[in-house]
PDB file of N, CA and C in Angstrom:
ATOM      1  N   UNK A   1       7.973 -28.511  25.195  1.00  0.00           N
ATOM      2  CA  UNK A   1       8.519 -27.508  24.333  1.00  0.00           C
ATOM      3  C   UNK A   1       9.992 -26.129  25.234  1.00  0.00           C
ATOM      4  N   UNK A   2      10.453 -26.401  24.009  1.00  0.00           N
ATOM      5  CA  UNK A   2      11.505 -25.740  24.697  1.00  0.00           C
ATOM      6  C   UNK A   2      10.998 -24.462  24.992  1.00  0.00           C
ATOM      7  N   UNK A   3      11.951 -23.443  25.821  1.00  0.00           N
ATOM      8  CA  UNK A   3      11.289 -22.271  26.170  1.00  0.00           C
ATOM      9  C   UNK A   3      12.316 -21.213  25.445  1.00  0.00           C
ATOM     10  N   UNK A   4      11.800 -19.665  25.098  1.00  0.00           N
ATOM     11  CA  UNK A   4      12.136 -18.737  24.832  1.00  0.00           C
ATOM     12  C   UNK A   4      13.339 -18.827  25.586  1.00  0.00           C
ATOM     13  N   UNK A   5      14.719 -17.944  24.905  1.00  0.00           N
ATOM     14  CA  UNK A   5      15.506 -17.319  25.778  1.00  0.00           C
ATOM     15  C   UNK A   5      14.910 -15.886  25.997  1.00  0.00           C
ATOM     16  N   UNK A   6      14.992 -15.213  27.380  1.00  0.00           N
ATOM     17  CA  UNK A   6      14.019 -14.091  26.643  1.00  0.00           C
ATOM     18  C   UNK A   6      15.229 -12.794  26.768  1.00  0.00           C
ATOM     19  N   UNK A   7      15.377 -11.926  25.925  1.00  0.00           N
ATOM     20  CA  UNK A   7      15.897 -11.104  25.653  1.00  0.00           C
ATOM     21  C   UNK A   7      16.262  -9.670  26.341  1.00  0.00           C
ATOM     22  N   UNK A   8      17.160  -9.523  26.330  1.00  0.00           N
ATOM     23  CA  UNK A   8      17.542  -8.524  27.033  1.00  0.00           C
ATOM     24  C   UNK A   8      17.596  -7.067  26.199  1.00  0.00           C
ATOM     25  N   UNK A   9      16.948  -5.744  27.149  1.00  0.00           N
ATOM     26  CA  UNK A   9      16.991  -4.242  26.840  1.00  0.00           C
ATOM     27  C   UNK A   9      17.644  -3.660  25.329  1.00  0.00           C
ATOM     28  N   UNK A  10      17.496  -2.809  24.631  1.00  0.00           N
ATOM     29  CA  UNK A  10      18.120  -2.545  23.717  1.00  0.00           C
ATOM     30  C   UNK A  10      17.634  -1.287  22.893  1.00  0.00           C
ATOM     31  N   UNK A  11      19.172  -0.583  23.283  1.00  0.00           N
ATOM     32  CA  UNK A  11      18.655   0.576  22.383  1.00  0.00           C
ATOM     33  C   UNK A  11      20.360   1.117  21.316  1.00  0.00           C
ATOM     34  N   UNK A  12      19.593   0.604  19.980  1.00  0.00           N
ATOM     35  CA  UNK A  12      20.730   0.927  19.460  1.00  0.00           C
ATOM     36  C   UNK A  12      20.961   1.652  18.337  1.00  0.00           C
ATOM     37  N   UNK A  13      21.733   2.646  18.303  1.00  0.00           N
ATOM     38  CA  UNK A  13      21.799   3.220  16.756  1.00  0.00           C
ATOM     39  C   UNK A  13      22.821   3.003  15.618  1.00  0.00           C
ATOM     40  N   UNK A  14      22.201   2.168  14.299  1.00  0.00           N
ATOM     41  CA  UNK A  14      23.212   2.092  13.825  1.00  0.00           C
ATOM     42  C   UNK A  14      23.525   2.934  12.391  1.00  0.00           C
ATOM     43  N   UNK A  15      24.836   3.575  12.325  1.00  0.00           N
ATOM     44  CA  UNK A  15      24.685   4.083  10.733  1.00  0.00           C
ATOM     45  C   UNK A  15      24.854   3.755   9.363  1.00  0.00           C
ATOM     46  N   UNK A  16      24.355   4.019   8.370  1.00  0.00           N
ATOM     47  CA  UNK A  16      25.293   2.716   7.333  1.00  0.00           C
ATOM     48  C   UNK A  16      25.244   3.580   6.491  1.00  0.00           C
ATOM     49  N   UNK A  17      26.104   3.262   5.558  1.00  0.00           N
ATOM     50  CA  UNK A  17      26.051   3.730   4.192  1.00  0.00           C
ATOM     51  C   UNK A  17      24.961   4.403   3.244  1.00  0.00           C
ATOM     52  N   UNK A  18      24.651   4.827   2.334  1.00  0.00           N
ATOM     53  CA  UNK A  18      23.766   5.523   1.355  1.00  0.00           C
ATOM     54  C   UNK A  18      23.075   5.011   0.628  1.00  0.00           C
ATOM     55  N   UNK A  19      24.124   3.566   0.054  1.00  0.00           N
ATOM     56  CA  UNK A  19      23.839   2.499  -0.897  1.00  0.00           C
ATOM     57  C   UNK A  19      23.263   1.534   0.295  1.00  0.00           C
ATOM     58  N   UNK A  20      23.333   1.098   1.132  1.00  0.00           N
ATOM     59  CA  UNK A  20      23.138   0.326   1.795  1.00  0.00           C
ATOM     60  C   UNK A  20      22.107   0.164   3.008  1.00  0.00           C
ATOM     61  N   UNK A  21      21.584   1.709   2.987  1.00  0.00           N
ATOM     62  CA  UNK A  21      20.451   1.735   3.954  1.00  0.00           C
ATOM     63  C   UNK A  21      19.290   1.872   2.839  1.00  0.00           C
ATOM     64  N   UNK A  22      19.420   2.516   1.659  1.00  0.00           N
ATOM     65  CA  UNK A  22      18.400   1.949   0.025  1.00  0.00           C
ATOM     66  C   UNK A  22      18.378   0.990  -0.456  1.00  0.00           C
ATOM     67  N   UNK A  23      19.554  -0.161   0.212  1.00  0.00           N
ATOM     68  CA  UNK A  23      18.929  -1.108  -0.091  1.00  0.00           C
ATOM     69  C   UNK A  23      18.350  -2.132   0.827  1.00  0.00           C
ATOM     70  N   UNK A  24      18.201  -1.842   2.279  1.00  0.00           N
ATOM     71  CA  UNK A  24      17.405  -2.024   3.286  1.00  0.00           C
ATOM     72  C   UNK A  24      15.986  -1.483   3.385  1.00  0.00           C
ATOM     73  N   UNK A  25      15.591   0.041   2.607  1.00  0.00           N
ATOM     74  CA  UNK A  25      14.194  -0.102   3.085  1.00  0.00           C
ATOM     75  C   UNK A  25      13.266  -0.552   1.492  1.00  0.00           C
ATOM     76  N   UNK A  26      14.047  -0.609   0.656  1.00  0.00           N
ATOM     77  CA  UNK A  26      13.822  -1.406  -0.640  1.00  0.00           C
ATOM     78  C   UNK A  26      13.567  -2.903  -0.033  1.00  0.00           C
ATOM     79  N   UNK A  27      13.852  -3.242   0.774  1.00  0.00           N
ATOM     80  CA  UNK A  27      13.158  -4.803   0.959  1.00  0.00           C
ATOM     81  C   UNK A  27      12.419  -4.635   1.752  1.00  0.00           C
ATOM     82  N   UNK A  28      12.277  -3.710   3.052  1.00  0.00           N
ATOM     83  CA  UNK A  28      11.088  -3.441   3.469  1.00  0.00           C
ATOM     84  C   UNK A  28      10.005  -3.227   2.997  1.00  0.00           C
ATOM     85  N   UNK A  29      10.368  -2.162   2.386  1.00  0.00           N
ATOM     86  CA  UNK A  29       8.924  -1.734   1.339  1.00  0.00           C
ATOM     87  C   UNK A  29       8.205  -3.156   0.475  1.00  0.00           C
ATOM     88  N   UNK A  30       8.798  -3.642   0.524  1.00  0.00           N
ATOM     89  CA  UNK A  30       8.876  -5.533  -0.866  1.00  0.00           C
ATOM     90  C   UNK A  30       8.165  -6.091   0.170  1.00  0.00           C
ATOM     91  N   UNK A  31       8.831  -6.253   1.609  1.00  0.00           N
ATOM     92  CA  UNK A  31       8.154  -6.559   2.723  1.00  0.00           C
ATOM     93  C   UNK A  31       6.462  -6.547   2.962  1.00  0.00           C
ATOM     94  N   UNK A  32       6.046  -4.834   2.706  1.00  0.00           N
ATOM     95  CA  UNK A  32       5.575  -4.457   3.487  1.00  0.00           C
ATOM     96  C   UNK A  32       4.082  -4.468   2.510  1.00  0.00           C
ATOM     97  N   UNK A  33       4.708  -4.376   0.995  1.00  0.00           N
ATOM     98  CA  UNK A  33       3.244  -4.368   0.291  1.00  0.00           C
ATOM     99  C   UNK A  33       3.074  -6.268   0.303  1.00  0.00           C
ATOM    100  N   UNK A  34       4.168  -6.586   0.565  1.00  0.00           N
ATOM    101  CA  UNK A  34       3.639  -8.079   0.022  1.00  0.00           C
ATOM    102  C   UNK A  34       2.917  -8.944   1.615  1.00  0.00           C
ATOM    103  N   UNK A  35       2.734  -8.225   2.728  1.00  0.00           N
ATOM    104  CA  UNK A  35       2.444  -8.583   3.850  1.00  0.00           C
ATOM    105  C   UNK A  35       3.319  -9.667   4.266  1.00  0.00           C
ATOM    106  N   UNK A  36       4.277  -9.744   4.446  1.00  0.00           N
ATOM    107  CA  UNK A  36       5.372 -10.288   4.768  1.00  0.00           C
ATOM    108  C   UNK A  36       6.348 -10.313   6.062  1.00  0.00           C
ATOM    109  N   UNK A  37       6.468 -10.809   7.029  1.00  0.00           N
ATOM    110  CA  UNK A  37       7.934 -10.604   7.849  1.00  0.00           C
ATOM    111  C   UNK A  37       9.056 -10.293   7.157  1.00  0.00           C
ATOM    112  N   UNK A  38       9.925  -9.247   7.496  1.00  0.00           N
ATOM    113  CA  UNK A  38      10.836  -8.379   7.065  1.00  0.00           C
ATOM    114  C   UNK A  38      12.058  -8.783   8.137  1.00  0.00           C
ATOM    115  N   UNK A  39      13.220  -9.391   7.989  1.00  0.00           N
ATOM    116  CA  UNK A  39      14.206  -9.804   8.450  1.00  0.00           C
ATOM    117  C   UNK A  39      15.862  -8.955   8.254  1.00  0.00           C
ATOM    118  N   UNK A  40      16.194  -8.571   9.317  1.00  0.00           N
ATOM    119  CA  UNK A  40      17.193  -7.706   9.374  1.00  0.00           C
ATOM    120  C   UNK A  40      17.810  -7.741  10.369  1.00  0.00           C
ATOM    121  N   UNK A  41      19.573  -7.530  10.252  1.00  0.00           N
ATOM    122  CA  UNK A  41      20.763  -7.579  11.193  1.00  0.00           C
ATOM    123  C   UNK A  41      20.603  -6.556  11.412  1.00  0.00           C
ATOM    124  N   UNK A  42      21.121  -5.716  13.338  1.00  0.00           N
ATOM    125  CA  UNK A  42      21.647  -4.495  12.987  1.00  0.00           C
ATOM    126  C   UNK A  42      22.245  -4.949  13.995  1.00  0.00           C
ATOM    127  N   UNK A  43      23.449  -4.095  14.151  1.00  0.00           N
ATOM    128  CA  UNK A  43      24.360  -4.733  15.078  1.00  0.00           C
ATOM    129  C   UNK A  43      24.986  -5.949  15.856  1.00  0.00           C
ATOM    130  N   UNK A  44      24.584  -6.820  14.704  1.00  0.00           N
ATOM    131  CA  UNK A  44      24.733  -8.518  15.220  1.00  0.00           C
ATOM    132  C   UNK A  44      24.118  -8.695  15.819  1.00  0.00           C
ATOM    133  N   UNK A  45      22.418  -8.451  15.852  1.00  0.00           N
ATOM    134  CA  UNK A  45      21.408  -8.921  16.409  1.00  0.00           C
ATOM    135  C   UNK A  45      20.539  -9.154  15.208  1.00  0.00           C
ATOM    136  N   UNK A  46      20.435 -10.681  14.658  1.00  0.00           N
ATOM    137  CA  UNK A  46      19.162 -10.990  13.651  1.00  0.00           C
ATOM    138  C   UNK A  46      17.401 -10.339  14.453  1.00  0.00           C
ATOM    139  N   UNK A  47      17.063  -9.725  14.354  1.00  0.00           N
ATOM    140  CA  UNK A  47      15.687  -9.180  14.220  1.00  0.00           C
ATOM    141  C   UNK A  47      14.561  -9.671  13.196  1.00  0.00           C
ATOM    142  N   UNK A  48      13.550 -10.100  13.533  1.00  0.00           N
ATOM    143  CA  UNK A  48      12.378 -10.151  12.436  1.00  0.00           C
ATOM    144  C   UNK A  48      11.307  -9.770  12.887  1.00  0.00           C
ATOM    145  N   UNK A  49      10.207  -9.123  11.735  1.00  0.00           N
ATOM    146  CA  UNK A  49       9.532  -8.631  11.890  1.00  0.00           C
ATOM    147  C   UNK A  49       8.391  -8.542  11.473  1.00  0.00           C
ATOM    148  N   UNK A  50       6.865  -9.281  12.310  1.00  0.00           N
ATOM    149  CA  UNK A  50       6.383  -9.700  12.116  1.00  0.00           C
ATOM    150  C   UNK A  50       5.313  -9.161  10.853  1.00  0.00           C
ATOM    151  N   UNK A  51       4.326  -9.337   9.831  1.00  0.00           N
ATOM    152  CA  UNK A  51       3.895  -8.495   9.324  1.00  0.00           C
ATOM    153  C   UNK A  51       3.322  -7.541   9.910  1.00  0.00           C
ATOM    154  N   UNK A  52       2.391  -8.280  10.457  1.00  0.00           N
ATOM    155  CA  UNK A  52       0.647  -6.954  11.274  1.00  0.00           C
ATOM    156  C   UNK A  52       1.688  -6.158  12.007  1.00  0.00           C
ATOM    157  N   UNK A  53       2.978  -5.670  12.091  1.00  0.00           N
ATOM    158  CA  UNK A  53       3.367  -4.464  12.763  1.00  0.00           C
ATOM    159  C   UNK A  53       3.129  -3.471  12.353  1.00  0.00           C
ATOM    160  N   UNK A  54       3.045  -2.445  13.947  1.00  0.00           N
ATOM    161  CA  UNK A  54       2.186  -1.379  13.365  1.00  0.00           C
ATOM    162  C   UNK A  54       3.730  -0.235  13.111  1.00  0.00           C
ATOM    163  N   UNK A  55       3.258   0.792  12.254  1.00  0.00           N
ATOM    164  CA  UNK A  55       4.222   1.687  11.437  1.00  0.00           C
ATOM    165  C   UNK A  55       3.764   2.924  11.759  1.00  0.00           C
ATOM    166  N   UNK A  56       4.749   4.019  12.201  1.00  0.00           N
ATOM    167  CA  UNK A  56       4.726   5.112  12.049  1.00  0.00           C
ATOM    168  C   UNK A  56       5.833   5.926  11.735  1.00  0.00           C
ATOM    169  N   UNK A  57       5.775   7.039  11.473  1.00  0.00           N
ATOM    170  CA  UNK A  57       6.756   8.056  11.289  1.00  0.00           C
ATOM    171  C   UNK A  57       6.702   9.163  12.359  1.00  0.00           C
ATOM    172  N   UNK A  58       8.081   9.176  13.109  1.00  0.00           N
ATOM    173  CA  UNK A  58       8.359  10.257  14.727  1.00  0.00           C
ATOM    174  C   UNK A  58       8.798  11.479  13.977  1.00  0.00           C
ATOM    175  N   UNK A  59       8.237  12.486  13.941  1.00  0.00           N
ATOM    176  CA  UNK A  59       9.004  14.420  13.826  1.00  0.00           C
ATOM    177  C   UNK A  59       9.822  14.719  15.129  1.00  0.00           C
ATOM    178  N   UNK A  60      10.790  14.284  15.162  1.00  0.00           N
ATOM    179  CA  UNK A  60      11.718  15.776  16.196  1.00  0.00           C
ATOM    180  C   UNK A  60      12.346  16.770  16.282  1.00  0.00           C
ATOM    181  N   UNK A  61      12.057  17.778  16.911  1.00  0.00           N
ATOM    182  CA  UNK A  61      13.060  18.479  16.322  1.00  0.00           C
ATOM    183  C   UNK A  61      13.093  19.319  18.148  1.00  0.00           C
ATOM    184  N   UNK A  62      14.885  19.602  18.280  1.00  0.00           N
ATOM    185  CA  UNK A  62      15.279  19.812  19.041  1.00  0.00           C
ATOM    186  C   UNK A  62      15.917  20.745  19.428  1.00  0.00           C
ATOM    187  N   UNK A  63      16.720  21.770  20.195  1.00  0.00           N
ATOM    188  CA  UNK A  63      18.669  22.290  19.909  1.00  0.00           C
ATOM    189  C   UNK A  63      18.839  22.544  19.132  1.00  0.00           C
ATOM    190  N   UNK A  64      18.881  22.902  17.455  1.00  0.00           N
ATOM    191  CA  UNK A  64      18.851  23.125  16.503  1.00  0.00           C
ATOM    192  C   UNK A  64      18.610  21.368  15.517  1.00  0.00           C
ATOM    193  N   UNK A  65      18.246  21.278  15.885  1.00  0.00           N
ATOM    194  CA  UNK A  65      18.328  19.366  14.953  1.00  0.00           C
ATOM    195  C   UNK A  65      17.081  18.969  14.398  1.00  0.00           C
ATOM    196  N   UNK A  66      16.715  18.402  14.126  1.00  0.00           N
ATOM    197  CA  UNK A  66      15.298  17.525  13.904  1.00  0.00           C
ATOM    198  C   UNK A  66      15.641  16.346  13.117  1.00  0.00           C
ATOM    199  N   UNK A  67      14.923  14.813  13.407  1.00  0.00           N
ATOM    200  CA  UNK A  67      14.926  14.055  13.167  1.00  0.00           C
ATOM    201  C   UNK A  67      13.653  13.625  12.549  1.00  0.00           C
ATOM    202  N   UNK A  68      14.373  12.452  11.620  1.00  0.00           N
ATOM    203  CA  UNK A  68      12.926  11.865  11.365  1.00  0.00           C
ATOM    204  C   UNK A  68      12.936  10.415  11.578  1.00  0.00           C
ATOM    205  N   UNK A  69      12.265   9.819  12.590  1.00  0.00           N
ATOM    206  CA  UNK A  69      12.031   8.022  12.390  1.00  0.00           C
ATOM    207  C   UNK A  69      11.167   7.540  11.860  1.00  0.00           C
ATOM    208  N   UNK A  70      11.639   6.631  11.429  1.00  0.00           N
ATOM    209  CA  UNK A  70      10.803   5.582  10.356  1.00  0.00           C
ATOM    210  C   UNK A  70      10.871   4.117  11.831  1.00  0.00           C
ATOM    211  N   UNK A  71       9.371   4.053  11.972  1.00  0.00           N
ATOM    212  CA  UNK A  71       9.563   3.126  13.244  1.00  0.00           C
ATOM    213  C   UNK A  71       8.433   1.943  13.111  1.00  0.00           C
ATOM    214  N   UNK A  72       8.981   0.863  13.245  1.00  0.00           N
ATOM    215  CA  UNK A  72       7.292  -0.731  13.556  1.00  0.00           C
ATOM    216  C   UNK A  72       7.956  -1.015  14.665  1.00  0.00           C
ATOM    217  N   UNK A  73       6.586  -1.303  15.224  1.00  0.00           N
ATOM    218  CA  UNK A  73       6.899  -2.020  16.608  1.00  0.00           C
ATOM    219  C   UNK A  73       5.388  -2.884  16.157  1.00  0.00           C
ATOM    220  N   UNK A  74       5.565  -4.114  17.313  1.00  0.00           N
ATOM    221  CA  UNK A  74       5.415  -5.243  17.725  1.00  0.00           C
ATOM    222  C   UNK A  74       5.367  -5.626  18.790  1.00  0.00           C
ATOM    223  N   UNK A  75       4.387  -6.902  19.442  1.00  0.00           N
ATOM    224  CA  UNK A  75       4.949  -7.486  20.772  1.00  0.00           C
ATOM    225  C   UNK A  75       5.970  -8.593  20.171  1.00  0.00           C
ATOM    226  N   UNK A  76       6.188  -9.527  22.193  1.00  0.00           N
ATOM    227  CA  UNK A  76       7.559 -10.060  21.769  1.00  0.00           C
ATOM    228  C   UNK A  76       6.666 -10.934  22.402  1.00  0.00           C
ATOM    229  N   UNK A  77       6.640 -11.890  21.777  1.00  0.00           N
ATOM    230  CA  UNK A  77       5.275 -13.140  22.602  1.00  0.00           C
ATOM    231  C   UNK A  77       6.629 -13.742  23.852  1.00  0.00           C
ATOM    232  N   UNK A  78       5.763 -14.257  24.716  1.00  0.00           N
ATOM    233  CA  UNK A  78       6.613 -14.528  26.277  1.00  0.00           C
ATOM    234  C   UNK A  78       6.505 -16.119  26.095  1.00  0.00           C
TER     235      UNK A  78
END
C-alpha cells in the first residue's frame, strides 16, 4: 500500500469576488444538507472536506475591526 505524502502546514487567506463566494457557499450548503463530501480548491491546492467535519462560527473583535469566520474542522488520517 502506498504511503500518503505528508501535507505541509498552511495558513492562507484568499479573497474572492462576491459572485464566486456566493457560488462556493451554495455548493457547501448543498453538501452539508446532503451529508456529502465538499471539494474546493484554495490558492492552487485541492481540499476535500468530509461530511462529518465539525462546523462552527467564530466572531472576533479587536482594534476597531470585526471578523466572522465560518470554519470546518476535521482530522487528517496519518
